[in-house]
N, C-alpha and C. Protein backbone atom coordinates (compact mmCIF):
# COMPACT_ATOMS: atom_id res chain seq x y z
N MET A 1 43.81 268.61 -14.68
CA MET A 1 43.13 267.68 -15.27
C MET A 1 43.83 266.68 -14.82
N LYS A 2 43.01 265.53 -14.65
CA LYS A 2 43.88 264.29 -14.31
C LYS A 2 44.50 263.47 -16.00
N ILE A 3 45.40 263.10 -16.12
CA ILE A 3 45.78 262.31 -17.35
C ILE A 3 44.87 260.82 -17.49
N TYR A 4 45.09 260.32 -16.60
CA TYR A 4 44.24 259.03 -16.81
C TYR A 4 42.96 259.09 -16.32
N THR A 5 42.08 258.56 -16.86
CA THR A 5 40.92 258.22 -16.25
C THR A 5 40.18 256.81 -15.54
N LYS A 6 40.97 255.98 -15.89
CA LYS A 6 40.45 254.62 -15.82
C LYS A 6 39.44 254.38 -16.82
N THR A 7 38.56 254.95 -17.72
CA THR A 7 37.93 254.60 -18.36
C THR A 7 38.20 253.34 -19.78
N GLY A 8 39.48 253.23 -19.52
CA GLY A 8 40.17 252.45 -20.53
C GLY A 8 40.71 250.91 -19.89
N ASP A 9 40.98 250.84 -18.97
CA ASP A 9 40.92 249.78 -18.11
C ASP A 9 40.48 248.45 -18.75
N THR A 10 39.39 248.38 -19.23
CA THR A 10 39.12 247.11 -19.80
C THR A 10 38.95 246.80 -21.24
N GLY A 11 39.74 247.75 -21.42
CA GLY A 11 40.03 247.49 -23.37
C GLY A 11 39.64 248.53 -24.03
N LEU A 12 38.66 249.13 -23.76
CA LEU A 12 37.55 250.07 -24.63
C LEU A 12 38.02 251.64 -24.87
N THR A 13 37.67 252.31 -25.77
CA THR A 13 38.29 254.05 -25.63
C THR A 13 36.93 254.48 -25.99
N SER A 14 36.76 255.80 -26.37
CA SER A 14 35.89 256.50 -26.51
C SER A 14 36.37 257.49 -27.71
N LEU A 15 35.61 257.36 -28.64
CA LEU A 15 35.59 258.11 -29.91
C LEU A 15 35.30 259.36 -29.73
N ILE A 16 36.11 260.65 -30.27
CA ILE A 16 35.04 261.63 -30.59
C ILE A 16 33.61 261.85 -31.05
N GLY A 17 32.34 261.79 -30.25
CA GLY A 17 30.82 261.37 -30.82
C GLY A 17 30.74 260.59 -29.61
N GLY A 18 31.79 260.04 -28.86
CA GLY A 18 31.20 259.04 -27.49
C GLY A 18 31.21 257.57 -27.78
N THR A 19 30.95 257.30 -28.75
CA THR A 19 30.88 255.95 -29.41
C THR A 19 32.41 254.99 -28.25
N ARG A 20 32.07 254.14 -28.03
CA ARG A 20 33.35 253.15 -27.36
C ARG A 20 33.67 252.72 -28.30
N VAL A 21 34.97 251.88 -28.56
CA VAL A 21 35.00 250.66 -29.21
C VAL A 21 36.40 250.65 -28.49
N PRO A 22 36.97 248.73 -29.22
CA PRO A 22 38.19 248.30 -28.44
C PRO A 22 39.45 249.24 -29.29
N LYS A 23 40.04 249.00 -28.18
CA LYS A 23 41.51 249.90 -28.27
C LYS A 23 42.49 249.00 -29.41
N SER A 24 41.59 247.59 -29.74
CA SER A 24 42.21 247.18 -30.72
C SER A 24 41.55 247.38 -32.48
N SER A 25 40.80 248.41 -32.17
CA SER A 25 40.13 248.50 -33.63
C SER A 25 40.72 249.30 -34.73
N LEU A 26 40.61 248.98 -35.65
CA LEU A 26 41.13 249.25 -36.89
C LEU A 26 41.31 250.53 -36.73
N ARG A 27 40.12 251.56 -36.26
CA ARG A 27 40.44 253.05 -36.13
C ARG A 27 41.29 253.48 -35.40
N ILE A 28 41.52 252.85 -34.33
CA ILE A 28 42.29 253.01 -33.20
C ILE A 28 43.97 252.82 -33.87
N ASP A 29 43.92 252.08 -34.42
CA ASP A 29 45.54 251.50 -34.72
C ASP A 29 45.52 252.75 -35.94
N CYS A 30 44.94 253.61 -36.60
CA CYS A 30 45.34 254.19 -37.73
C CYS A 30 45.67 255.91 -36.85
N TYR A 31 45.10 256.34 -35.99
CA TYR A 31 45.16 257.46 -35.41
C TYR A 31 46.19 257.26 -34.15
N GLY A 32 46.48 256.00 -33.89
CA GLY A 32 47.65 256.10 -33.00
C GLY A 32 48.72 255.78 -33.85
N THR A 33 49.05 255.16 -34.93
CA THR A 33 49.98 255.05 -35.95
C THR A 33 50.19 256.93 -36.30
N VAL A 34 49.26 257.54 -36.78
CA VAL A 34 49.49 258.75 -37.39
C VAL A 34 49.92 259.80 -35.85
N ASP A 35 49.87 259.06 -34.57
CA ASP A 35 50.31 259.74 -33.13
C ASP A 35 51.74 259.88 -33.53
N GLU A 36 52.30 257.89 -33.68
CA GLU A 36 53.64 257.55 -33.55
C GLU A 36 54.62 258.55 -34.59
N LEU A 37 53.78 258.38 -36.28
CA LEU A 37 54.55 259.53 -37.31
C LEU A 37 54.58 260.83 -36.63
N ASN A 38 53.51 261.39 -35.72
CA ASN A 38 53.72 262.53 -35.11
C ASN A 38 55.42 262.91 -34.24
N SER A 39 55.19 261.78 -33.56
CA SER A 39 56.71 261.93 -32.55
C SER A 39 57.57 261.86 -33.55
N TYR A 40 57.78 261.05 -34.77
CA TYR A 40 59.17 260.71 -35.61
C TYR A 40 59.48 262.52 -36.30
N LEU A 41 58.25 262.95 -36.55
CA LEU A 41 58.57 264.09 -36.85
C LEU A 41 59.24 265.16 -36.12
N GLY A 42 58.59 265.07 -35.05
CA GLY A 42 59.53 265.87 -33.82
C GLY A 42 60.82 265.57 -33.57
N LEU A 43 61.09 264.08 -33.58
CA LEU A 43 62.50 263.73 -33.80
C LEU A 43 63.33 264.45 -35.32
N LEU A 44 62.68 264.45 -36.10
CA LEU A 44 63.62 265.27 -37.22
C LEU A 44 63.62 266.27 -36.73
N ARG A 45 62.11 267.32 -36.70
CA ARG A 45 62.45 268.65 -36.05
C ARG A 45 63.51 269.13 -35.68
N ASP A 46 63.66 268.14 -34.36
CA ASP A 46 64.77 268.22 -33.70
C ASP A 46 66.90 268.33 -33.97
N GLN A 47 66.32 267.80 -35.04
CA GLN A 47 67.64 267.23 -35.91
C GLN A 47 68.29 268.74 -36.22
N ASP A 48 69.92 268.89 -35.88
CA ASP A 48 70.07 270.24 -36.14
C ASP A 48 70.36 270.53 -37.88
N VAL A 49 70.10 269.93 -38.30
CA VAL A 49 70.31 269.55 -39.67
C VAL A 49 68.73 270.14 -40.40
N ASN A 50 67.61 269.82 -39.55
CA ASN A 50 66.64 270.81 -39.96
C ASN A 50 66.57 271.86 -39.28
N ALA A 51 67.23 272.98 -38.96
CA ALA A 51 67.19 273.88 -37.79
C ALA A 51 66.11 274.64 -39.46
N THR A 52 66.51 274.87 -40.50
CA THR A 52 65.77 275.94 -41.15
C THR A 52 64.56 275.37 -41.62
N ARG A 53 63.86 274.09 -41.14
CA ARG A 53 62.60 273.43 -41.38
C ARG A 53 61.85 273.29 -40.21
N ARG A 54 62.47 273.49 -39.15
CA ARG A 54 61.50 273.59 -38.26
C ARG A 54 60.11 273.91 -38.09
N ASP A 55 59.74 274.86 -38.51
CA ASP A 55 58.49 275.84 -38.79
C ASP A 55 57.64 274.98 -39.88
N LEU A 56 57.99 274.71 -40.44
CA LEU A 56 57.37 273.85 -41.84
C LEU A 56 57.17 272.39 -40.83
N LEU A 57 58.14 271.46 -40.34
CA LEU A 57 57.70 270.28 -39.75
C LEU A 57 56.85 270.21 -38.93
N LYS A 58 57.29 271.77 -37.77
CA LYS A 58 55.89 271.80 -37.12
C LYS A 58 54.33 271.50 -37.51
N GLU A 59 54.12 272.33 -38.91
CA GLU A 59 53.17 272.57 -39.37
C GLU A 59 52.59 271.47 -39.99
N MET A 60 53.70 270.27 -40.68
CA MET A 60 53.33 268.81 -40.75
C MET A 60 52.45 268.22 -39.42
N GLN A 61 53.31 268.79 -38.25
CA GLN A 61 52.80 268.28 -37.26
C GLN A 61 51.47 268.35 -36.65
N ASP A 62 50.91 269.19 -36.92
CA ASP A 62 49.83 270.03 -36.83
C ASP A 62 48.82 269.39 -37.37
N ARG A 63 49.06 268.96 -39.21
CA ARG A 63 48.41 268.56 -39.95
C ARG A 63 47.92 266.90 -39.51
N LEU A 64 49.05 266.36 -38.99
CA LEU A 64 48.77 265.27 -38.56
C LEU A 64 48.09 265.25 -37.50
N PHE A 65 47.75 265.94 -36.33
CA PHE A 65 47.23 266.55 -35.48
C PHE A 65 45.82 266.34 -35.90
N THR A 66 45.17 267.32 -37.08
CA THR A 66 44.36 267.54 -37.50
C THR A 66 43.67 266.39 -38.32
N ILE A 67 44.73 265.42 -38.76
CA ILE A 67 44.17 263.69 -39.20
C ILE A 67 43.78 262.88 -38.14
N GLY A 68 44.55 263.17 -37.15
CA GLY A 68 44.20 262.46 -36.32
C GLY A 68 42.89 262.41 -35.68
N SER A 69 42.82 263.79 -35.36
CA SER A 69 41.36 264.26 -34.94
C SER A 69 40.33 263.63 -35.77
N HIS A 70 40.19 263.32 -37.27
CA HIS A 70 39.43 263.28 -37.88
C HIS A 70 39.18 261.83 -37.66
N LEU A 71 39.97 260.73 -37.62
CA LEU A 71 40.20 259.78 -38.03
C LEU A 71 39.80 259.03 -36.13
N ALA A 72 40.05 260.11 -35.68
CA ALA A 72 39.18 259.83 -33.83
C ALA A 72 37.78 259.95 -33.96
N THR A 73 37.37 260.65 -34.84
CA THR A 73 35.83 260.49 -34.62
C THR A 73 35.16 259.33 -34.97
N ASP A 74 33.87 259.70 -34.47
CA ASP A 74 33.07 258.55 -35.10
C ASP A 74 32.19 259.23 -36.13
N PRO A 75 32.10 258.61 -37.77
CA PRO A 75 31.54 258.95 -38.71
C PRO A 75 30.22 259.28 -38.67
N GLY A 76 29.58 258.20 -37.73
CA GLY A 76 27.97 257.97 -37.85
C GLY A 76 27.38 259.35 -36.76
N LYS A 77 28.40 259.97 -35.89
CA LYS A 77 27.80 261.03 -34.90
C LYS A 77 28.09 262.50 -35.34
N GLU A 78 27.01 263.02 -35.17
CA GLU A 78 26.65 264.40 -35.52
C GLU A 78 27.58 264.86 -34.37
N LEU A 79 28.68 265.89 -34.63
CA LEU A 79 29.44 266.55 -33.58
C LEU A 79 28.80 268.22 -33.15
N ARG A 80 29.01 268.39 -31.75
CA ARG A 80 28.41 269.59 -31.46
C ARG A 80 29.97 270.68 -31.75
N GLN A 81 31.27 269.80 -32.17
CA GLN A 81 32.30 271.36 -31.76
C GLN A 81 32.70 270.74 -33.61
N ARG A 82 33.45 271.94 -34.49
CA ARG A 82 34.07 271.71 -35.44
C ARG A 82 35.57 271.50 -35.53
N LEU A 83 35.79 270.25 -35.96
CA LEU A 83 36.79 269.57 -36.56
C LEU A 83 37.84 270.47 -37.32
N PRO A 84 39.36 270.84 -36.76
CA PRO A 84 40.12 271.45 -37.98
C PRO A 84 40.51 270.51 -39.20
N ASP A 85 40.51 271.74 -40.07
CA ASP A 85 40.32 271.05 -41.76
C ASP A 85 41.44 271.04 -42.52
N LEU A 86 41.64 270.11 -43.49
CA LEU A 86 42.68 269.26 -44.07
C LEU A 86 42.28 270.19 -45.43
N HIS A 87 43.44 270.72 -46.06
CA HIS A 87 43.45 271.48 -47.49
C HIS A 87 44.18 270.82 -48.15
N ALA A 88 43.59 270.96 -49.79
CA ALA A 88 44.31 270.58 -50.74
C ALA A 88 45.95 271.37 -50.39
N ALA A 89 45.55 272.56 -50.10
CA ALA A 89 46.97 273.39 -50.25
C ALA A 89 48.49 272.95 -49.27
N ASP A 90 47.47 272.01 -48.31
CA ASP A 90 48.76 271.10 -47.37
C ASP A 90 49.35 270.26 -48.33
N VAL A 91 48.50 269.50 -49.32
CA VAL A 91 49.26 268.55 -49.89
C VAL A 91 50.14 269.23 -50.84
N ALA A 92 49.82 270.60 -51.42
CA ALA A 92 50.33 270.94 -52.46
C ALA A 92 51.84 271.90 -52.21
N LEU A 93 51.54 272.36 -50.43
CA LEU A 93 52.97 272.51 -50.08
C LEU A 93 53.76 271.28 -49.87
N LEU A 94 53.62 270.41 -49.74
CA LEU A 94 54.33 269.49 -49.78
C LEU A 94 55.23 269.18 -51.30
N GLU A 95 54.01 268.92 -51.95
CA GLU A 95 55.24 268.88 -53.72
C GLU A 95 56.00 270.20 -53.81
N THR A 96 55.72 270.95 -53.49
CA THR A 96 56.32 272.21 -53.63
C THR A 96 57.98 272.35 -52.71
N GLU A 97 57.62 271.94 -51.64
CA GLU A 97 58.78 271.29 -50.99
C GLU A 97 59.96 270.66 -51.55
N MET A 98 58.75 269.26 -51.72
CA MET A 98 60.08 268.24 -52.55
C MET A 98 60.63 268.69 -53.57
N ASP A 99 59.88 269.57 -54.62
CA ASP A 99 60.21 269.99 -56.24
C ASP A 99 61.43 271.34 -55.52
N ARG A 100 61.23 271.96 -54.42
CA ARG A 100 62.65 272.62 -53.95
C ARG A 100 64.14 271.75 -53.92
N MET A 101 63.23 271.03 -52.98
CA MET A 101 64.55 269.97 -52.15
C MET A 101 65.53 269.46 -53.89
N ASN A 102 64.40 268.73 -54.59
CA ASN A 102 65.08 267.86 -55.49
C ASN A 102 65.71 268.83 -56.73
N GLU A 103 65.53 270.06 -56.75
CA GLU A 103 66.29 270.93 -57.42
C GLU A 103 68.11 270.90 -56.59
N SER A 104 68.18 270.69 -56.02
CA SER A 104 69.74 270.86 -55.44
C SER A 104 70.01 269.06 -55.25
N LEU A 105 69.37 268.11 -55.40
CA LEU A 105 69.70 266.57 -55.43
C LEU A 105 70.18 266.25 -56.85
N PRO A 106 71.39 265.37 -56.62
CA PRO A 106 71.29 264.45 -57.83
C PRO A 106 70.39 263.63 -58.34
N PRO A 107 70.30 263.44 -59.47
CA PRO A 107 68.83 262.70 -60.15
C PRO A 107 68.85 260.97 -59.38
N LEU A 108 68.51 260.52 -59.08
CA LEU A 108 68.08 259.41 -58.58
C LEU A 108 67.81 258.16 -59.42
N ARG A 109 69.22 257.43 -59.49
CA ARG A 109 69.43 256.29 -60.35
C ARG A 109 69.86 254.92 -59.45
N GLU A 110 69.80 255.06 -58.09
CA GLU A 110 69.62 253.51 -57.66
C GLU A 110 68.72 253.80 -56.55
N PHE A 111 68.18 252.59 -55.86
CA PHE A 111 67.18 252.33 -54.94
C PHE A 111 68.53 252.92 -53.31
N ILE A 112 67.56 253.51 -52.48
CA ILE A 112 68.58 254.02 -51.36
C ILE A 112 68.15 253.52 -50.20
N LEU A 113 69.35 252.94 -49.51
CA LEU A 113 68.75 251.70 -48.37
C LEU A 113 69.06 253.19 -46.64
N PRO A 114 67.89 252.89 -45.72
CA PRO A 114 68.29 253.93 -44.74
C PRO A 114 69.90 253.80 -44.28
N GLY A 115 70.10 255.12 -43.85
CA GLY A 115 71.01 254.78 -43.49
C GLY A 115 72.21 256.45 -44.02
N GLY A 116 73.54 255.99 -42.93
CA GLY A 116 74.16 257.23 -43.53
C GLY A 116 74.77 257.81 -42.56
N HIS A 117 73.67 258.37 -41.87
CA HIS A 117 73.82 259.48 -40.65
C HIS A 117 72.22 258.84 -39.78
N PRO A 118 72.35 259.29 -38.35
CA PRO A 118 71.23 259.10 -37.68
C PRO A 118 70.06 259.87 -38.19
N ALA A 119 70.41 261.30 -38.42
CA ALA A 119 69.20 261.82 -38.40
C ALA A 119 68.58 261.57 -39.87
N VAL A 120 69.36 261.46 -41.23
CA VAL A 120 68.68 260.26 -42.32
C VAL A 120 67.90 259.38 -42.08
N SER A 121 68.83 258.35 -40.87
CA SER A 121 68.14 257.11 -40.54
C SER A 121 66.72 257.49 -39.92
N PHE A 122 66.67 258.60 -38.98
CA PHE A 122 65.28 258.99 -39.03
C PHE A 122 64.10 259.38 -39.81
N GLY A 123 64.69 259.65 -40.72
CA GLY A 123 63.98 260.23 -41.78
C GLY A 123 63.28 258.96 -42.66
N HIS A 124 64.19 257.88 -42.67
CA HIS A 124 63.79 257.01 -43.51
C HIS A 124 62.51 256.18 -42.66
N VAL A 125 63.06 255.92 -41.04
CA VAL A 125 62.01 255.40 -40.24
C VAL A 125 60.72 256.27 -40.16
N ALA A 126 60.26 257.37 -40.17
CA ALA A 126 59.44 258.51 -40.00
C ALA A 126 58.65 258.27 -41.43
N ARG A 127 59.39 257.83 -42.40
CA ARG A 127 58.61 257.50 -43.97
C ARG A 127 58.41 256.47 -44.06
N CYS A 128 58.86 255.14 -43.41
CA CYS A 128 58.18 253.66 -43.26
C CYS A 128 56.72 253.67 -42.20
N VAL A 129 56.97 254.37 -41.34
CA VAL A 129 55.58 254.72 -40.50
C VAL A 129 55.09 255.48 -40.91
N CYS A 130 54.89 256.43 -41.74
CA CYS A 130 54.24 257.10 -42.59
C CYS A 130 53.44 256.19 -43.70
N ARG A 131 53.98 255.40 -44.48
CA ARG A 131 53.46 254.22 -45.41
C ARG A 131 52.43 253.29 -44.74
N ARG A 132 52.81 253.04 -43.10
CA ARG A 132 52.04 252.16 -42.66
C ARG A 132 50.79 252.82 -42.07
N ALA A 133 50.86 254.07 -41.85
CA ALA A 133 49.75 254.62 -41.55
C ALA A 133 48.79 255.09 -42.73
N GLU A 134 49.55 254.87 -43.77
CA GLU A 134 48.81 255.37 -45.17
C GLU A 134 47.73 253.97 -45.67
N ARG A 135 48.44 252.73 -45.09
CA ARG A 135 47.77 251.58 -45.62
C ARG A 135 46.66 251.32 -44.84
N LEU A 136 47.33 251.74 -43.32
CA LEU A 136 46.02 251.24 -42.32
C LEU A 136 44.79 252.40 -42.72
N VAL A 137 45.07 253.92 -42.78
CA VAL A 137 43.93 254.45 -43.16
C VAL A 137 43.15 253.87 -44.47
N ILE A 138 43.69 253.48 -45.51
CA ILE A 138 43.18 252.80 -46.69
C ILE A 138 42.10 251.77 -46.26
N ALA A 139 42.78 250.74 -45.57
CA ALA A 139 42.15 249.83 -45.25
C ALA A 139 40.93 250.15 -44.37
N LEU A 140 40.95 250.99 -43.41
CA LEU A 140 39.80 251.94 -42.64
C LEU A 140 38.81 252.18 -43.92
N HIS A 141 39.21 253.30 -44.91
CA HIS A 141 38.75 253.57 -46.06
C HIS A 141 37.66 252.18 -46.58
N ASP A 142 37.89 251.08 -46.45
CA ASP A 142 37.08 249.96 -46.99
C ASP A 142 35.91 249.90 -46.06
N GLU A 143 36.42 250.21 -44.61
CA GLU A 143 35.38 249.88 -43.77
C GLU A 143 34.47 251.11 -43.59
N ALA A 144 34.64 251.99 -43.33
CA ALA A 144 34.30 253.37 -43.11
C ALA A 144 34.75 254.62 -44.28
N PRO A 145 33.74 255.61 -44.05
CA PRO A 145 34.38 256.55 -45.47
C PRO A 145 34.92 257.39 -44.55
N VAL A 146 36.63 257.43 -45.21
CA VAL A 146 37.70 258.74 -44.52
C VAL A 146 38.05 259.63 -46.00
N GLU A 147 37.94 260.46 -45.76
CA GLU A 147 38.09 261.69 -46.55
C GLU A 147 39.60 261.52 -47.88
N ASP A 148 39.23 261.45 -48.84
CA ASP A 148 40.51 261.06 -49.91
C ASP A 148 41.81 262.02 -49.76
N LEU A 149 41.38 263.21 -48.70
CA LEU A 149 42.44 264.18 -49.06
C LEU A 149 43.40 263.47 -47.96
N ILE A 150 42.69 262.93 -46.93
CA ILE A 150 43.49 262.21 -45.69
C ILE A 150 44.83 261.82 -46.00
N ILE A 151 43.97 260.51 -47.33
CA ILE A 151 44.75 259.27 -47.54
C ILE A 151 46.21 260.30 -48.72
N MET A 152 45.45 261.14 -49.68
CA MET A 152 46.36 262.01 -50.75
C MET A 152 47.48 262.71 -49.61
N TYR A 153 47.19 263.22 -48.39
CA TYR A 153 48.06 263.84 -47.98
C TYR A 153 49.61 262.61 -47.17
N LEU A 154 48.65 261.22 -46.24
CA LEU A 154 49.91 261.04 -45.89
C LEU A 154 50.50 260.03 -47.10
N ASN A 155 50.28 260.04 -48.38
CA ASN A 155 51.02 259.13 -49.35
C ASN A 155 52.24 260.36 -49.96
N ARG A 156 51.64 261.89 -50.09
CA ARG A 156 52.59 262.99 -50.30
C ARG A 156 53.62 263.24 -49.48
N LEU A 157 53.75 263.01 -47.60
CA LEU A 157 54.16 263.31 -46.76
C LEU A 157 55.17 262.21 -46.61
N SER A 158 54.66 260.90 -46.83
CA SER A 158 56.09 259.96 -47.32
C SER A 158 56.65 259.95 -48.53
N ASP A 159 56.29 260.20 -49.40
CA ASP A 159 57.30 261.32 -50.69
C ASP A 159 58.09 261.91 -50.37
N TYR A 160 57.73 262.93 -49.34
CA TYR A 160 58.40 264.20 -48.66
C TYR A 160 59.29 263.87 -47.63
N LEU A 161 59.29 262.73 -47.18
CA LEU A 161 59.85 262.38 -46.12
C LEU A 161 61.34 261.56 -46.74
N PHE A 162 61.07 260.64 -48.03
CA PHE A 162 62.26 260.45 -48.49
C PHE A 162 63.10 261.39 -49.30
N VAL A 163 62.42 261.82 -49.86
CA VAL A 163 63.02 263.41 -50.51
C VAL A 163 64.01 264.18 -49.48
N LEU A 164 63.26 264.35 -48.02
CA LEU A 164 64.07 265.11 -46.93
C LEU A 164 65.52 264.06 -46.47
N SER A 165 64.93 262.98 -46.34
CA SER A 165 66.10 261.89 -46.39
C SER A 165 67.05 262.06 -47.05
N ARG A 166 66.93 262.30 -48.19
CA ARG A 166 68.14 262.25 -49.31
C ARG A 166 68.80 264.06 -49.18
N GLN A 167 67.76 265.12 -48.81
CA GLN A 167 68.00 265.88 -48.51
C GLN A 167 68.98 266.50 -47.75
N MET A 168 68.93 265.59 -46.50
CA MET A 168 69.38 265.88 -45.47
C MET A 168 71.17 264.94 -45.33
N ALA A 169 70.94 264.12 -46.47
CA ALA A 169 71.89 263.47 -46.52
C ALA A 169 73.43 264.20 -46.94
N HIS A 170 72.35 264.63 -48.07
CA HIS A 170 73.17 265.95 -49.31
C HIS A 170 73.65 267.46 -48.15
N GLU A 171 72.89 267.62 -47.40
CA GLU A 171 73.53 268.65 -46.52
C GLU A 171 74.10 268.42 -45.41
N LEU A 172 74.38 267.14 -44.98
CA LEU A 172 75.33 266.29 -44.08
C LEU A 172 76.79 265.97 -44.77
N GLY A 173 76.82 266.21 -46.30
CA GLY A 173 77.91 266.17 -46.64
C GLY A 173 78.23 264.43 -46.43
N VAL A 174 76.97 263.60 -46.22
CA VAL A 174 77.23 261.89 -46.27
C VAL A 174 76.87 261.24 -47.69
N ALA A 175 77.82 260.12 -47.97
CA ALA A 175 76.63 259.74 -48.89
C ALA A 175 75.78 258.78 -48.80
N GLU A 176 74.59 258.81 -49.53
CA GLU A 176 73.64 258.13 -49.81
C GLU A 176 73.88 256.62 -49.63
N VAL A 177 73.34 255.64 -49.19
CA VAL A 177 73.84 253.80 -49.11
C VAL A 177 72.56 253.47 -50.02
N THR A 178 73.34 253.18 -51.08
CA THR A 178 72.63 252.73 -52.12
C THR A 178 72.83 250.95 -51.96
N TRP A 179 71.55 250.45 -52.66
CA TRP A 179 71.07 249.21 -52.83
C TRP A 179 72.24 248.28 -54.07
N LYS A 180 72.60 247.04 -53.88
CA LYS A 180 73.93 246.77 -54.75
C LYS A 180 73.21 245.17 -54.54
N PRO A 181 72.63 245.09 -55.42
CA PRO A 181 72.07 243.49 -55.24
C PRO A 181 73.09 242.58 -56.02
N ARG A 182 72.94 241.64 -55.04
CA ARG A 182 73.88 240.43 -55.72
C ARG A 182 73.28 239.91 -57.22
N THR A 183 74.02 239.33 -57.78
CA THR A 183 74.21 239.12 -59.19
C THR A 183 74.42 237.54 -59.19
């Protein structure tokens, strides 16, 4: 199978369902940003500190692919194939994992700045990309229906990535970088 088709050379691409849209459209920006986030989760998964979380992070990547497939679908077209589903249990899993990590973390009393260790910084970059994806999907939802569960998942995933960044710092034995405002 060839990777290049040349059908996008004029700045258009096809959604699932066949509709051609500009590559600059909000829908393309949404699933492109989810794809970027998925790449950052792969980078996080590859960090030694996340060896025990590799399967969990892979599951999150799978869910992001599911989200991407929904965002890449023309909402006005009837599909022949069935898209993979996102479930409320996927959001609940993120909440459960955050609760578990928070049990071993000190209470949050200050704002945390990204940094302290490359793995922690990667986690914060992923969190920021996730927030951007969430904002874009919300903007898309103003134009065309997007499943509420997609927005919920992205919101909870960004929270998870914040807690994961704190957990990685804890496990790596590095101090969290805190914000000290000038007075």
